[in-house]
Amino acid sequence: MNHNEKEKCIASLSTRVRPSTKKLLEAIPLLTGTPQQQFVDEAILAAIQHLPEDIQNRLHLLTDLVPKNTSN
């Protein structure tokens, strides 16, 4: 997969966080080399794994119902 194809696979997300959280998110790539979007993606998936199984199942059902947005 080339760089342009990878770009198409990444959706845009805008959210508000505390200034201290933003500073941490900005520091992560400097210390780990992990891009911010990868860190956020992995953190969300890890958080979902800690949800009760019934909520995880409902979440997956809901995501199947949400139309796929091809534009960012």
Protein backbone atom coordinates (compact mmCIF):
# COMPACT_ATOMS: atom_id res chain seq x y z
CA MET A 1 0.00 0.00 0.00
CA ASN A 2 1.54 3.32 -1.03
CA HIS A 3 1.36 6.57 0.93
CA ASN A 4 -1.69 7.91 -0.97
CA GLU A 5 -3.62 4.70 -0.36
CA LYS A 6 -2.81 4.87 3.35
CA GLU A 7 -4.07 8.47 3.48
CA LYS A 8 -7.43 7.38 2.03
CA CYS A 9 -7.79 4.81 4.83
CA ILE A 10 -7.55 7.43 7.59
CA ALA A 11 -10.70 9.34 8.51
CA SER A 12 -10.58 12.79 10.01
CA LEU A 13 -11.60 13.26 13.63
CA SER A 14 -11.98 16.42 15.64
CA THR A 15 -12.45 16.38 19.39
CA ARG A 16 -11.85 18.56 22.42
CA VAL A 17 -9.51 17.50 25.21
CA ARG A 18 -7.96 19.15 28.25
CA PRO A 19 -4.77 21.12 27.49
CA SER A 20 -2.74 18.66 29.56
CA THR A 21 -4.08 15.75 27.49
CA LYS A 22 -3.22 17.59 24.27
CA LYS A 23 0.35 18.10 25.48
CA LEU A 24 0.65 14.39 26.24
CA LEU A 25 -0.71 13.48 22.82
CA GLU A 26 1.76 15.85 21.16
CA ALA A 27 4.67 14.35 23.15
CA ILE A 28 3.91 10.70 22.35
CA PRO A 29 5.34 10.72 18.81
CA LEU A 30 8.49 12.46 20.05
CA LEU A 31 9.19 9.75 22.61
CA THR A 32 7.84 6.65 20.91
CA GLY A 33 7.85 7.38 17.20
CA THR A 34 4.19 6.33 17.15
CA PRO A 35 2.04 8.68 15.07
CA GLN A 36 -0.74 10.41 17.02
CA GLN A 37 -3.49 8.85 14.90
CA GLN A 38 -2.08 5.36 15.51
CA PHE A 39 -1.85 5.98 19.25
CA VAL A 40 -5.43 7.29 19.41
CA ASP A 41 -6.70 4.38 17.31
CA GLU A 42 -4.96 1.81 19.52
CA ALA A 43 -6.12 3.56 22.71
CA ILE A 44 -9.75 3.48 21.58
CA LEU A 45 -9.53 -0.21 20.68
CA ALA A 46 -7.90 -0.97 24.04
CA ALA A 47 -10.61 0.96 25.89
CA ILE A 48 -13.32 -0.97 24.05
CA GLN A 49 -11.74 -4.25 25.16
CA HIS A 50 -12.30 -3.19 28.78
CA LEU A 51 -16.02 -2.62 28.27
CA PRO A 52 -18.44 -5.34 29.36
CA GLU A 53 -18.93 -7.95 26.64
CA ASP A 54 -22.61 -7.08 26.08
CA ILE A 55 -21.69 -3.44 25.42
CA GLN A 56 -18.88 -4.50 23.08
CA ASN A 57 -21.35 -6.66 21.14
CA ARG A 58 -23.90 -3.83 20.89
CA LEU A 59 -21.17 -1.43 19.83
CA HIS A 60 -20.13 -3.72 16.99
CA LEU A 61 -23.75 -4.11 15.92
CA LEU A 62 -24.17 -0.33 15.89
CA THR A 63 -21.03 0.22 13.84
CA ASP A 64 -22.41 -2.20 11.24
CA LEU A 65 -25.51 0.01 10.95
CA VAL A 66 -23.62 3.29 10.54
CA PRO A 67 -23.24 4.19 6.86
CA LYS A 68 -19.68 4.26 5.65
CA ASN A 69 -18.54 7.79 4.96
CA THR A 70 -16.04 7.75 2.11
CA SER A 71 -15.14 11.42 2.52
CA ASN A 72 -13.05 12.74 5.39
